[in-house]
Amino acid sequence: MAMKSKPEATRGHRLEWLFARHPVLVLETWARYIKGPNSGKRAVDKAKYYCETGRLKRLTRGLYAVVPPGVKPDKFIADPYLVAAALRSDSILSHHAALDLLGVARSLFNRITYYTASPRRPLTLDGMAWHALNHPMALKRARKIDLGVVSIDRQGVIIKHTGAERTLVEGFAALEWVGGLEEHVESAAAMRDLDLDILEKYLGLMNRRILYSAVGWFLEKHPEVADGDETLLRRMEKQAPRQPLYLGSRKAGARLEKRWNLLVPPHLSIKSGFEGAPQ
């Protein structure tokens, strides 16, 4: 068997190092790694070659997934959260994706959302869709877009996502991105040890009565999430809307939670619980 020359073996080792560090690889990253003249074109040529050999799978323009040895590219599905992190270098995963990364999501969801300062068109691939969202205006005005954001290591890649406190609030603010009210409530019920300072700070920046009310109602329903802090609930109660508002869709039979001026589905009301019939 012919032995590889030392420079060839070194190049192969460096390439595997690159693939290991970037399971979802952006072409610009490869070009920076190659360096030298025409690095952009050389990166394109290399990507094309490794797609042909089955080592890479093209996801969209300039974005590739590293295919594990022995796996066919057409059968390989890239980690959706690593894809989101690679689509924009400043990605902060949010909503249902954050619920999943926090380990509390109740079910699977085929839409991934992430915040970025440079939104792009949605990407649809392998039955999944990635949606880029603008940062909440309240956080941009306060220059606090990283408030309540945490970092985790996923396959050797550091990715950011909203922590439990922000995810709880933002789910109520945009129920379409968490799979609906019931999905969000039942997922968030598994949260523990919330940082109540961050929670109140974020609610204050958002400054929306419906969010104070929704979060207060939820924490009253699930005291184990925030150790049943009645002092916190009283502060939230003071910010509740003056007129009753629907939480979720407007459906006949919604029950009024008087303390929070919220109209909620009967099976999610404080008096009925999740599994029993309304009392």
Protein backbone atom coordinates (compact mmCIF):
# COMPACT_ATOMS: atom_id res chain seq x y z
CA MET A 1 0.00 0.00 0.00
CA ALA A 2 1.37 3.39 -0.99
CA MET A 3 2.21 5.68 1.90
CA LYS A 4 0.96 9.26 1.89
CA SER A 5 3.62 11.91 1.77
CA LYS A 6 4.04 13.92 4.97
CA PRO A 7 2.60 17.18 3.53
CA GLU A 8 -0.40 15.22 2.19
CA ALA A 9 -1.02 13.53 5.53
CA THR A 10 -0.71 16.87 7.32
CA ARG A 11 -3.25 18.46 5.00
CA GLY A 12 -5.64 15.57 5.62
CA HIS A 13 -5.23 15.92 9.38
CA ARG A 14 -5.86 19.68 9.21
CA LEU A 15 -8.94 19.12 7.09
CA GLU A 16 -10.39 16.64 9.59
CA TRP A 17 -9.62 19.14 12.35
CA LEU A 18 -11.60 21.79 10.44
CA PHE A 19 -14.53 19.43 9.88
CA ALA A 20 -14.53 18.42 13.56
CA ARG A 21 -14.54 22.05 14.70
CA HIS A 22 -17.27 23.03 12.24
CA PRO A 23 -19.88 20.26 11.78
CA VAL A 24 -21.87 22.86 9.83
CA LEU A 25 -19.34 24.78 7.78
CA VAL A 26 -19.68 28.27 6.33
CA LEU A 27 -17.69 28.85 3.15
CA GLU A 28 -16.20 32.08 4.50
CA THR A 29 -14.82 30.14 7.49
CA TRP A 30 -13.11 27.72 5.12
CA ALA A 31 -11.66 30.57 3.09
CA ARG A 32 -10.21 32.16 6.23
CA TYR A 33 -8.76 28.80 7.20
CA ILE A 34 -7.09 28.33 3.78
CA LYS A 35 -5.65 31.88 3.71
CA GLY A 36 -3.47 33.15 0.91
CA PRO A 37 -4.40 34.38 -2.57
CA ASN A 38 -7.72 33.28 -4.11
CA SER A 39 -8.73 31.62 -0.84
CA GLY A 40 -12.41 32.20 -1.62
CA LYS A 41 -12.26 30.40 -4.97
CA ARG A 42 -10.14 27.61 -3.52
CA ALA A 43 -12.71 27.11 -0.74
CA VAL A 44 -15.49 26.87 -3.36
CA ASP A 45 -13.51 24.30 -5.34
CA LYS A 46 -12.79 22.23 -2.23
CA ALA A 47 -16.42 22.34 -1.12
CA LYS A 48 -17.54 21.18 -4.56
CA TYR A 49 -15.02 18.33 -4.48
CA TYR A 50 -16.03 17.10 -1.03
CA CYS A 51 -19.72 17.30 -1.95
CA GLU A 52 -18.98 15.04 -4.91
CA THR A 53 -17.12 12.57 -2.70
CA GLY A 54 -19.95 12.54 -0.14
CA ARG A 55 -17.95 14.05 2.72
CA LEU A 56 -20.04 17.23 2.66
CA LYS A 57 -23.70 17.95 2.05
CA ARG A 58 -24.67 21.31 0.60
CA LEU A 59 -27.44 22.91 2.66
CA THR A 60 -27.77 26.26 0.95
CA ARG A 61 -25.49 28.71 -0.79
CA GLY A 62 -22.22 28.89 1.13
CA LEU A 63 -23.32 26.48 3.86
CA TYR A 64 -22.32 22.81 4.17
CA ALA A 65 -22.79 20.00 6.67
CA VAL A 66 -20.02 17.50 7.38
CA VAL A 67 -21.33 14.00 6.69
CA PRO A 68 -20.13 11.33 9.15
CA PRO A 69 -18.12 8.47 7.61
CA GLY A 70 -20.30 5.64 6.35
CA VAL A 71 -23.43 7.79 6.05
CA LYS A 72 -24.98 8.65 2.70
CA PRO A 73 -25.39 12.42 2.20
CA ASP A 74 -29.01 12.10 1.06
CA LYS A 75 -29.83 10.25 4.29
CA PHE A 76 -27.96 12.63 6.58
CA ILE A 77 -29.84 15.37 8.44
CA ALA A 78 -27.67 18.10 9.90
CA ASP A 79 -28.21 19.20 13.50
CA PRO A 80 -30.82 21.96 13.11
CA TYR A 81 -29.41 24.06 15.94
CA LEU A 82 -25.91 24.01 14.50
CA VAL A 83 -27.43 25.07 11.17
CA ALA A 84 -29.10 28.04 12.86
CA ALA A 85 -25.87 29.00 14.59
CA ALA A 86 -24.01 28.86 11.27
CA LEU A 87 -26.58 30.80 9.24
CA ARG A 88 -25.61 33.94 11.13
CA SER A 89 -22.52 34.32 13.31
CA ASP A 90 -24.53 36.33 15.86
CA SER A 91 -27.43 33.84 16.06
CA ILE A 92 -29.31 33.55 19.35
CA LEU A 93 -31.70 30.60 19.20
CA SER A 94 -35.12 31.32 20.64
CA HIS A 95 -38.70 30.23 21.33
CA HIS A 96 -39.33 26.50 20.79
CA ALA A 97 -35.68 25.89 19.89
CA ALA A 98 -34.71 27.43 23.22
CA LEU A 99 -37.29 25.30 25.06
CA ASP A 100 -35.72 22.22 23.50
CA LEU A 101 -32.16 23.32 24.31
CA LEU A 102 -33.29 23.97 27.88
CA GLY A 103 -34.50 20.38 27.98
CA VAL A 104 -38.16 21.18 28.63
CA ALA A 105 -39.85 21.07 25.19
CA ARG A 106 -42.93 18.87 25.30
CA SER A 107 -42.88 17.89 21.64
CA LEU A 108 -40.92 18.20 18.40
CA PHE A 109 -41.26 21.30 16.25
CA ASN A 110 -40.19 21.77 12.65
CA ARG A 111 -39.54 25.51 12.84
CA ILE A 112 -36.34 26.92 14.28
CA THR A 113 -36.18 30.60 15.19
CA TYR A 114 -33.10 32.66 15.96
CA TYR A 115 -32.40 36.33 16.60
CA THR A 116 -29.86 38.16 14.49
CA ALA A 117 -28.94 41.73 13.61
CA SER A 118 -28.98 40.71 9.93
CA PRO A 119 -32.16 38.72 9.19
CA ARG A 120 -32.29 36.65 6.03
CA ARG A 121 -35.00 34.83 4.14
CA PRO A 122 -36.27 31.61 5.74
CA LEU A 123 -34.40 28.45 4.84
CA THR A 124 -36.41 25.27 4.25
CA LEU A 125 -34.60 21.93 4.15
CA ASP A 126 -35.31 18.30 5.04
CA GLY A 127 -38.74 19.15 6.43
CA MET A 128 -37.37 21.89 8.69
CA ALA A 129 -37.60 25.67 8.39
CA TRP A 130 -35.25 28.26 9.90
CA HIS A 131 -36.64 31.74 10.55
CA ALA A 132 -34.42 34.72 11.32
CA LEU A 133 -35.99 37.26 13.67
CA ASN A 134 -35.09 40.82 14.52
CA HIS A 135 -34.04 41.40 18.10
CA PRO A 136 -36.91 42.72 20.26
CA MET A 137 -37.07 46.49 19.81
CA ALA A 138 -37.12 47.06 23.58
CA LEU A 139 -33.76 45.29 23.92
CA LYS A 140 -32.26 47.13 20.95
CA ARG A 141 -33.30 50.48 22.41
CA ALA A 142 -31.78 49.55 25.77
CA ARG A 143 -28.71 48.02 24.08
CA LYS A 144 -29.28 44.80 25.99
CA ILE A 145 -29.77 42.21 23.26
CA ASP A 146 -27.76 39.71 25.32
CA LEU A 147 -30.00 40.02 28.37
CA GLY A 148 -31.00 36.56 29.55
CA VAL A 149 -28.89 34.79 26.91
CA VAL A 150 -26.90 31.66 27.77
CA SER A 151 -24.23 29.67 25.91
CA ILE A 152 -23.88 25.92 25.55
CA ASP A 153 -21.45 23.53 23.88
CA ARG A 154 -23.06 21.43 21.18
CA GLN A 155 -20.77 19.01 19.35
CA GLY A 156 -17.84 21.25 20.17
CA VAL A 157 -19.57 24.39 18.88
CA ILE A 158 -20.55 27.16 21.28
CA ILE A 159 -24.07 28.33 20.49
CA LYS A 160 -26.24 30.94 22.18
CA HIS A 161 -29.90 30.71 23.09
CA THR A 162 -32.35 32.57 25.27
CA GLY A 163 -32.38 31.34 28.85
CA ALA A 164 -35.44 30.14 30.73
CA GLU A 165 -36.56 33.60 31.84
CA ARG A 166 -36.57 35.18 28.39
CA THR A 167 -37.93 32.06 26.74
CA LEU A 168 -40.87 32.00 29.14
CA VAL A 169 -41.78 35.62 28.38
CA GLU A 170 -41.13 35.47 24.65
CA GLY A 171 -43.21 32.34 24.25
CA PHE A 172 -46.25 34.21 25.57
CA ALA A 173 -45.39 37.16 23.32
CA ALA A 174 -45.24 34.99 20.16
CA LEU A 175 -47.19 31.79 20.67
CA GLU A 176 -46.89 30.86 16.99
CA TRP A 177 -43.15 30.25 17.48
CA VAL A 178 -43.59 27.86 20.43
CA GLY A 179 -46.34 25.65 18.99
CA GLY A 180 -49.26 27.38 20.70
CA LEU A 181 -50.38 28.19 24.22
CA GLU A 182 -50.79 24.66 25.56
CA GLU A 183 -47.41 23.53 24.21
CA HIS A 184 -45.70 26.54 25.76
CA VAL A 185 -47.37 26.26 29.15
CA GLU A 186 -46.78 22.54 29.51
CA SER A 187 -43.16 22.84 28.35
CA ALA A 188 -42.39 25.81 30.60
CA ALA A 189 -43.93 23.97 33.56
CA ALA A 190 -40.76 21.83 33.62
CA MET A 191 -38.53 24.89 34.19
CA ARG A 192 -36.91 25.36 37.58
CA ASP A 193 -34.75 27.89 39.44
CA LEU A 194 -35.63 30.93 37.35
CA ASP A 195 -33.54 34.04 37.91
CA LEU A 196 -36.35 36.32 39.03
CA ASP A 197 -34.23 39.45 38.68
CA ILE A 198 -33.71 38.72 34.98
CA LEU A 199 -37.38 37.84 34.59
CA GLU A 200 -38.58 41.13 36.09
CA LYS A 201 -35.95 43.15 34.28
CA TYR A 202 -37.01 41.71 30.94
CA LEU A 203 -40.71 42.22 31.66
CA GLY A 204 -39.91 45.81 32.58
CA LEU A 205 -38.07 46.40 29.32
CA MET A 206 -40.86 44.82 27.27
CA ASN A 207 -43.40 46.89 29.24
CA ARG A 208 -46.50 45.01 28.05
CA ARG A 209 -49.33 44.38 30.49
CA ILE A 210 -50.39 41.18 28.75
CA LEU A 211 -46.94 39.70 29.38
CA TYR A 212 -46.96 40.62 33.08
CA SER A 213 -50.38 39.03 33.30
CA ALA A 214 -49.52 35.88 31.34
CA VAL A 215 -46.32 35.24 33.29
CA GLY A 216 -48.01 36.00 36.63
CA TRP A 217 -50.87 33.64 35.80
CA PHE A 218 -48.44 30.93 34.74
CA LEU A 219 -46.29 31.24 37.89
CA GLU A 220 -49.38 31.14 40.09
CA LYS A 221 -50.52 27.99 38.30
CA HIS A 222 -47.05 26.45 38.65
CA PRO A 223 -45.54 27.68 41.92
CA GLU A 224 -42.76 25.08 41.70
CA VAL A 225 -41.21 26.99 38.78
CA ALA A 226 -40.37 30.04 40.92
CA ASP A 227 -40.76 28.70 44.47
CA GLY A 228 -44.23 30.23 44.81
CA ASP A 229 -42.90 33.79 45.28
CA GLU A 230 -46.11 35.60 46.25
CA THR A 231 -44.30 38.93 46.58
CA LEU A 232 -43.30 38.70 42.93
CA LEU A 233 -46.86 37.79 41.94
CA ARG A 234 -48.26 40.81 43.75
CA ARG A 235 -45.87 43.09 41.85
CA MET A 236 -46.93 41.50 38.57
CA GLU A 237 -50.59 41.75 39.50
CA LYS A 238 -50.26 45.53 39.71
CA GLN A 239 -49.19 45.56 36.04
CA ALA A 240 -52.08 43.41 34.82
CA PRO A 241 -54.31 44.82 32.03
CA ARG A 242 -57.29 46.92 33.14
CA GLN A 243 -59.63 45.12 30.71
CA PRO A 244 -59.81 41.35 30.16
CA LEU A 245 -57.57 40.08 27.36
CA TYR A 246 -57.47 36.71 25.63
CA LEU A 247 -54.39 34.59 26.10
CA GLY A 248 -54.04 32.65 22.88
CA SER A 249 -56.89 32.36 20.40
CA ARG A 250 -60.34 33.82 21.05
CA LYS A 251 -62.55 30.81 21.63
CA ALA A 252 -65.97 30.44 23.15
CA GLY A 253 -65.91 29.13 26.69
CA ALA A 254 -62.69 30.86 27.72
CA ARG A 255 -62.50 31.27 31.48
CA LEU A 256 -61.74 34.62 33.09
CA GLU A 257 -58.86 34.60 35.56
CA LYS A 258 -59.93 37.67 37.54
CA ARG A 259 -56.65 38.32 39.29
CA TRP A 260 -54.85 38.61 35.95
CA ASN A 261 -57.71 39.84 33.76
CA LEU A 262 -56.98 36.99 31.36
CA LEU A 263 -59.35 34.85 29.34
CA VAL A 264 -57.81 31.39 29.03
CA PRO A 265 -58.97 27.99 27.74
CA PRO A 266 -60.87 26.17 30.51
CA HIS A 267 -58.50 23.21 30.64
CA LEU A 268 -55.58 25.58 31.31
CA SER A 269 -57.32 27.65 33.94
CA ILE A 270 -56.08 27.80 37.51
CA LYS A 271 -59.23 26.08 38.77
CA SER A 272 -59.22 23.20 36.32
CA GLY A 273 -55.63 22.07 35.87
CA PHE A 274 -54.33 20.48 32.71
CA GLU A 275 -55.87 17.06 32.81
CA GLY A 276 -59.18 17.44 34.55
CA ALA A 277 -62.43 18.90 33.33
CA PRO A 278 -63.25 22.49 34.42
CA GLN A 279 -64.70 22.59 37.89
